[in-house]
Amino acid sequence: MTRNELRPDLIFTLSGALSDAECDALIERSEALGYGFAPVTTGLGMIPIPRVRNNSRVMVDEPETADWLWSRIADLAPTVADATAVGLNERLRFYRYHPGEYFAPHYDGAWRRSRKEFSLYTVMFWLNDAFEGGETGFTGLDVPARKGDALIFLHRQRHQGRPVTAGVKYVVRSDIMYRFAG
């Protein structure tokens, strides 16, 4: 596996994090769980806002799967001063995008387990690449999907899921959790 820096310490990919067979199995698992409309997290709670996002999502708490995904990327995870990376958030979010579906520019929020343990980085595993469009867009940078690769970026990086124009895009998203000293 290779770490490809796109913006050092802010945005990078890990090539070959998952095999084709592993990606296919995760897609099958997500379809078996059943996708629904993906709401947007707001100060008023989770509500549908189609102008912000119109893709499908299924969320599942799977510590074993999160641990397995973590084992694939742990050696190349970002380091943070005064903190230790301890794994992935067990709440996995599978996203599915059909043609015309997108997620408008936004920031990812942190997941907090305790006062001393919370996430700082998003990790997305691309489960396929047999689609057109659907790049993950940052200011001045579009990152195309590559099946089996992971995209890791600091939560405070504004980004978007550009519209898919053909085919169906699948990703699974989580967060890298850090435990802080003191």
C-alpha atoms as a PDB file:
ATOM      1  CA  MET A   1       0.000   0.000   0.000  1.00  0.00           C
ATOM      2  CA  THR A   2       1.244   3.486  -0.854  1.00  0.00           C
ATOM      3  CA  ARG A   3       0.380   6.795   0.792  1.00  0.00           C
ATOM      4  CA  ASN A   4      -0.144   9.435  -1.906  1.00  0.00           C
ATOM      5  CA  GLU A   5      -0.028  12.963  -0.478  1.00  0.00           C
ATOM      6  CA  LEU A   6      -2.408  15.331  -2.250  1.00  0.00           C
ATOM      7  CA  ARG A   7      -2.101  18.069   0.383  1.00  0.00           C
ATOM      8  CA  PRO A   8       0.439  17.019   3.018  1.00  0.00           C
ATOM      9  CA  ASP A   9      -1.176  16.053   6.345  1.00  0.00           C
ATOM     10  CA  LEU A  10      -4.557  17.314   5.108  1.00  0.00           C
ATOM     11  CA  ILE A  11      -5.634  15.090   2.190  1.00  0.00           C
ATOM     12  CA  PHE A  12      -4.113  11.835   0.945  1.00  0.00           C
ATOM     13  CA  THR A  13      -5.025   8.478  -0.551  1.00  0.00           C
ATOM     14  CA  LEU A  14      -3.901   4.964   0.298  1.00  0.00           C
ATOM     15  CA  SER A  15      -3.676   2.842  -2.818  1.00  0.00           C
ATOM     16  CA  GLY A  16      -4.780  -0.774  -2.592  1.00  0.00           C
ATOM     17  CA  ALA A  17      -6.252  -0.643   0.909  1.00  0.00           C
ATOM     18  CA  LEU A  18      -8.892  -3.237  -0.062  1.00  0.00           C
ATOM     19  CA  SER A  19      -8.961  -5.977  -2.690  1.00  0.00           C
ATOM     20  CA  ASP A  20     -11.572  -6.115  -5.447  1.00  0.00           C
ATOM     21  CA  ALA A  21     -13.209  -9.109  -3.741  1.00  0.00           C
ATOM     22  CA  GLU A  22     -13.361  -7.268  -0.404  1.00  0.00           C
ATOM     23  CA  CYS A  23     -14.945  -4.245  -2.077  1.00  0.00           C
ATOM     24  CA  ASP A  24     -17.517  -6.427  -3.836  1.00  0.00           C
ATOM     25  CA  ALA A  25     -18.378  -8.154  -0.544  1.00  0.00           C
ATOM     26  CA  LEU A  26     -18.887  -4.792   1.185  1.00  0.00           C
ATOM     27  CA  ILE A  27     -21.196  -3.616  -1.614  1.00  0.00           C
ATOM     28  CA  GLU A  28     -23.221  -6.829  -1.306  1.00  0.00           C
ATOM     29  CA  ARG A  29     -23.380  -6.401   2.479  1.00  0.00           C
ATOM     30  CA  SER A  30     -24.577  -2.804   2.161  1.00  0.00           C
ATOM     31  CA  GLU A  31     -27.265  -3.733  -0.359  1.00  0.00           C
ATOM     32  CA  ALA A  32     -28.483  -6.519   1.952  1.00  0.00           C
ATOM     33  CA  LEU A  33     -28.779  -3.991   4.795  1.00  0.00           C
ATOM     34  CA  GLY A  34     -30.949  -1.779   2.583  1.00  0.00           C
ATOM     35  CA  TYR A  35     -30.315   1.804   1.582  1.00  0.00           C
ATOM     36  CA  GLY A  36     -32.537   4.738   2.485  1.00  0.00           C
ATOM     37  CA  PHE A  37     -32.551   8.480   1.895  1.00  0.00           C
ATOM     38  CA  ALA A  38     -29.513  10.228   3.406  1.00  0.00           C
ATOM     39  CA  PRO A  39     -30.498  13.108   5.710  1.00  0.00           C
ATOM     40  CA  VAL A  40     -28.313  16.084   6.615  1.00  0.00           C
ATOM     41  CA  THR A  41     -27.184  16.678  10.195  1.00  0.00           C
ATOM     42  CA  THR A  42     -28.263  20.156  11.321  1.00  0.00           C
ATOM     43  CA  GLY A  43     -28.738  22.004  14.588  1.00  0.00           C
ATOM     44  CA  LEU A  44     -32.345  20.796  14.431  1.00  0.00           C
ATOM     45  CA  GLY A  45     -31.342  17.152  14.025  1.00  0.00           C
ATOM     46  CA  MET A  46     -31.236  14.911  10.970  1.00  0.00           C
ATOM     47  CA  ILE A  47     -33.488  16.197   8.198  1.00  0.00           C
ATOM     48  CA  PRO A  48     -33.773  15.603   4.442  1.00  0.00           C
ATOM     49  CA  ILE A  49     -32.431  18.525   2.400  1.00  0.00           C
ATOM     50  CA  PRO A  50     -32.277  17.326  -1.237  1.00  0.00           C
ATOM     51  CA  ARG A  51     -30.537  20.488  -2.446  1.00  0.00           C
ATOM     52  CA  VAL A  52     -27.632  19.573  -0.123  1.00  0.00           C
ATOM     53  CA  ARG A  53     -27.564  15.809  -0.662  1.00  0.00           C
ATOM     54  CA  ASN A  54     -29.755  13.400  -2.574  1.00  0.00           C
ATOM     55  CA  ASN A  55     -27.792  10.145  -2.393  1.00  0.00           C
ATOM     56  CA  SER A  56     -28.730   7.013  -0.444  1.00  0.00           C
ATOM     57  CA  ARG A  57     -27.151   5.839   2.804  1.00  0.00           C
ATOM     58  CA  VAL A  58     -27.182   2.940   5.221  1.00  0.00           C
ATOM     59  CA  MET A  59     -25.582   3.293   8.663  1.00  0.00           C
ATOM     60  CA  VAL A  60     -24.587   0.341  10.780  1.00  0.00           C
ATOM     61  CA  ASP A  61     -22.601  -0.046  13.989  1.00  0.00           C
ATOM     62  CA  GLU A  62     -20.136  -2.853  13.262  1.00  0.00           C
ATOM     63  CA  PRO A  63     -17.091  -2.814  15.566  1.00  0.00           C
ATOM     64  CA  GLU A  64     -15.635  -5.950  13.954  1.00  0.00           C
ATOM     65  CA  THR A  65     -15.806  -4.499  10.439  1.00  0.00           C
ATOM     66  CA  ALA A  66     -14.419  -1.170  11.662  1.00  0.00           C
ATOM     67  CA  ASP A  67     -11.524  -3.000  13.335  1.00  0.00           C
ATOM     68  CA  TRP A  68     -10.851  -4.976  10.153  1.00  0.00           C
ATOM     69  CA  LEU A  69     -10.882  -1.791   8.010  1.00  0.00           C
ATOM     70  CA  TRP A  70      -8.593  -0.123  10.558  1.00  0.00           C
ATOM     71  CA  SER A  71      -6.131  -3.018  10.336  1.00  0.00           C
ATOM     72  CA  ARG A  72      -5.803  -2.288   6.626  1.00  0.00           C
ATOM     73  CA  ILE A  73      -4.776   1.378   7.052  1.00  0.00           C
ATOM     74  CA  ALA A  74      -3.428   1.755  10.617  1.00  0.00           C
ATOM     75  CA  ASP A  75       0.253   1.744   9.645  1.00  0.00           C
ATOM     76  CA  LEU A  76      -0.226   4.753   7.343  1.00  0.00           C
ATOM     77  CA  ALA A  77      -2.752   6.724   9.409  1.00  0.00           C
ATOM     78  CA  PRO A  78      -1.999  10.362  10.226  1.00  0.00           C
ATOM     79  CA  THR A  79      -0.127  11.090  13.430  1.00  0.00           C
ATOM     80  CA  VAL A  80      -1.306  13.843  15.752  1.00  0.00           C
ATOM     81  CA  ALA A  81       0.725  15.536  18.502  1.00  0.00           C
ATOM     82  CA  ASP A  82      -0.278  14.449  22.031  1.00  0.00           C
ATOM     83  CA  ALA A  83      -2.674  11.819  20.681  1.00  0.00           C
ATOM     84  CA  THR A  84      -2.707   8.184  19.634  1.00  0.00           C
ATOM     85  CA  ALA A  85      -4.781   6.865  16.743  1.00  0.00           C
ATOM     86  CA  VAL A  86      -6.877   4.072  18.286  1.00  0.00           C
ATOM     87  CA  GLY A  87      -9.062   2.847  15.426  1.00  0.00           C
ATOM     88  CA  LEU A  88     -12.113   3.704  13.375  1.00  0.00           C
ATOM     89  CA  ASN A  89     -15.507   4.857  14.514  1.00  0.00           C
ATOM     90  CA  GLU A  90     -17.632   1.691  14.513  1.00  0.00           C
ATOM     91  CA  ARG A  91     -20.552   3.603  12.961  1.00  0.00           C
ATOM     92  CA  LEU A  92     -19.997   2.836   9.283  1.00  0.00           C
ATOM     93  CA  ARG A  93     -21.839   4.870   6.672  1.00  0.00           C
ATOM     94  CA  PHE A  94     -22.294   3.260   3.281  1.00  0.00           C
ATOM     95  CA  TYR A  95     -23.174   5.746   0.531  1.00  0.00           C
ATOM     96  CA  ARG A  96     -24.681   4.933  -2.856  1.00  0.00           C
ATOM     97  CA  TYR A  97     -24.917   7.499  -5.657  1.00  0.00           C
ATOM     98  CA  HIS A  98     -27.007   6.966  -8.814  1.00  0.00           C
ATOM     99  CA  PRO A  99     -26.705   9.295 -11.838  1.00  0.00           C
ATOM    100  CA  GLY A 100     -27.606  12.850 -10.847  1.00  0.00           C
ATOM    101  CA  GLU A 101     -26.949  12.249  -7.139  1.00  0.00           C
ATOM    102  CA  TYR A 102     -24.432  14.303  -5.175  1.00  0.00           C
ATOM    103  CA  PHE A 103     -23.477  15.719  -1.778  1.00  0.00           C
ATOM    104  CA  ALA A 104     -23.000  19.517  -1.889  1.00  0.00           C
ATOM    105  CA  PRO A 105     -19.939  21.205  -0.317  1.00  0.00           C
ATOM    106  CA  HIS A 106     -19.764  20.600   3.438  1.00  0.00           C
ATOM    107  CA  TYR A 107     -17.479  19.852   6.372  1.00  0.00           C
ATOM    108  CA  ASP A 108     -17.511  16.546   8.222  1.00  0.00           C
ATOM    109  CA  GLY A 109     -18.167  16.710  11.940  1.00  0.00           C
ATOM    110  CA  ALA A 110     -16.134  14.993  14.633  1.00  0.00           C
ATOM    111  CA  TRP A 111     -17.376  11.851  16.379  1.00  0.00           C
ATOM    112  CA  ARG A 112     -16.810  12.071  20.147  1.00  0.00           C
ATOM    113  CA  ARG A 113     -16.606   8.962  22.355  1.00  0.00           C
ATOM    114  CA  SER A 114     -15.420  10.851  25.429  1.00  0.00           C
ATOM    115  CA  ARG A 115     -13.732  14.066  26.470  1.00  0.00           C
ATOM    116  CA  LYS A 116     -10.353  12.564  25.511  1.00  0.00           C
ATOM    117  CA  GLU A 117     -11.307  10.431  22.513  1.00  0.00           C
ATOM    118  CA  PHE A 118     -12.684  11.846  19.291  1.00  0.00           C
ATOM    119  CA  SER A 119     -12.162  11.851  15.541  1.00  0.00           C
ATOM    120  CA  LEU A 120     -10.109  14.291  13.496  1.00  0.00           C
ATOM    121  CA  TYR A 121      -9.931  12.627  10.066  1.00  0.00           C
ATOM    122  CA  THR A 122     -12.500  11.188   7.678  1.00  0.00           C
ATOM    123  CA  VAL A 123     -11.702   7.947   5.869  1.00  0.00           C
ATOM    124  CA  MET A 124     -13.631   6.871   2.767  1.00  0.00           C
ATOM    125  CA  PHE A 125     -13.029   3.560   1.035  1.00  0.00           C
ATOM    126  CA  TRP A 126     -14.011   3.519  -2.637  1.00  0.00           C
ATOM    127  CA  LEU A 127     -15.827   0.243  -3.224  1.00  0.00           C
ATOM    128  CA  ASN A 128     -16.044   0.606  -7.002  1.00  0.00           C
ATOM    129  CA  ASP A 129     -14.979   2.830  -9.864  1.00  0.00           C
ATOM    130  CA  ALA A 130     -17.272   1.663 -12.682  1.00  0.00           C
ATOM    131  CA  PHE A 131     -19.063   5.003 -12.869  1.00  0.00           C
ATOM    132  CA  GLU A 132     -18.525   8.451 -14.362  1.00  0.00           C
ATOM    133  CA  GLY A 133     -18.354  11.714 -12.445  1.00  0.00           C
ATOM    134  CA  GLY A 134     -18.659  11.424  -8.683  1.00  0.00           C
ATOM    135  CA  GLU A 135     -15.236  12.804  -7.828  1.00  0.00           C
ATOM    136  CA  THR A 136     -14.615  13.965  -4.276  1.00  0.00           C
ATOM    137  CA  GLY A 137     -14.041  17.670  -4.761  1.00  0.00           C
ATOM    138  CA  PHE A 138     -11.980  19.933  -2.532  1.00  0.00           C
ATOM    139  CA  THR A 139     -11.152  23.568  -3.256  1.00  0.00           C
ATOM    140  CA  GLY A 140      -8.923  23.385  -6.333  1.00  0.00           C
ATOM    141  CA  LEU A 141      -8.665  19.575  -6.236  1.00  0.00           C
ATOM    142  CA  ASP A 142     -10.877  16.780  -7.597  1.00  0.00           C
ATOM    143  CA  VAL A 143     -10.030  13.249  -6.482  1.00  0.00           C
ATOM    144  CA  PRO A 144     -11.382  10.486  -8.743  1.00  0.00           C
ATOM    145  CA  ALA A 145     -12.371   7.154  -7.230  1.00  0.00           C
ATOM    146  CA  ARG A 146     -10.189   4.092  -7.587  1.00  0.00           C
ATOM    147  CA  LYS A 147     -11.675   0.822  -6.398  1.00  0.00           C
ATOM    148  CA  GLY A 148     -10.018  -0.381  -3.206  1.00  0.00           C
ATOM    149  CA  ASP A 149      -8.285   2.897  -2.402  1.00  0.00           C
ATOM    150  CA  ALA A 150      -8.914   4.927   0.743  1.00  0.00           C
ATOM    151  CA  LEU A 151      -9.223   8.711   0.840  1.00  0.00           C
ATOM    152  CA  ILE A 152      -8.264  10.293   4.164  1.00  0.00           C
ATOM    153  CA  PHE A 153      -8.682  13.959   5.001  1.00  0.00           C
ATOM    154  CA  LEU A 154      -8.881  16.272   7.988  1.00  0.00           C
ATOM    155  CA  HIS A 155     -12.503  16.910   8.961  1.00  0.00           C
ATOM    156  CA  ARG A 156     -12.123  20.657   8.505  1.00  0.00           C
ATOM    157  CA  GLN A 157     -11.470  20.271   4.757  1.00  0.00           C
ATOM    158  CA  ARG A 158     -14.507  21.551   2.844  1.00  0.00           C
ATOM    159  CA  HIS A 159     -15.434  18.939   0.246  1.00  0.00           C
ATOM    160  CA  GLN A 160     -18.250  17.552  -1.874  1.00  0.00           C
ATOM    161  CA  GLY A 161     -19.373  14.445  -3.678  1.00  0.00           C
ATOM    162  CA  ARG A 162     -19.713  15.648  -7.262  1.00  0.00           C
ATOM    163  CA  PRO A 163     -22.705  14.367  -9.255  1.00  0.00           C
ATOM    164  CA  VAL A 164     -22.430  10.898 -10.727  1.00  0.00           C
ATOM    165  CA  THR A 165     -23.177  11.070 -14.461  1.00  0.00           C
ATOM    166  CA  ALA A 166     -23.277   7.335 -15.322  1.00  0.00           C
ATOM    167  CA  GLY A 167     -23.181   4.100 -13.339  1.00  0.00           C
ATOM    168  CA  VAL A 168     -23.526   3.754  -9.562  1.00  0.00           C
ATOM    169  CA  LYS A 169     -20.909   4.864  -7.012  1.00  0.00           C
ATOM    170  CA  TYR A 170     -20.380   3.049  -3.683  1.00  0.00           C
ATOM    171  CA  VAL A 171     -18.240   4.157  -0.730  1.00  0.00           C
ATOM    172  CA  VAL A 172     -18.012   3.334   2.947  1.00  0.00           C
ATOM    173  CA  ARG A 173     -17.090   6.168   5.296  1.00  0.00           C
ATOM    174  CA  SER A 174     -15.843   6.265   8.861  1.00  0.00           C
ATOM    175  CA  ASP A 175     -13.665   8.423  11.094  1.00  0.00           C
ATOM    176  CA  ILE A 176     -10.189   7.915  12.533  1.00  0.00           C
ATOM    177  CA  MET A 177     -10.441   8.082  16.324  1.00  0.00           C
ATOM    178  CA  TYR A 178      -7.702   9.624  18.491  1.00  0.00           C
ATOM    179  CA  ARG A 179      -7.141   9.366  22.242  1.00  0.00           C
ATOM    180  CA  PHE A 180      -5.532  12.458  23.743  1.00  0.00           C
ATOM    181  CA  ALA A 181      -3.119  12.461  26.667  1.00  0.00           C
ATOM    182  CA  GLY A 182      -3.750  14.321  29.890  1.00  0.00           C
END
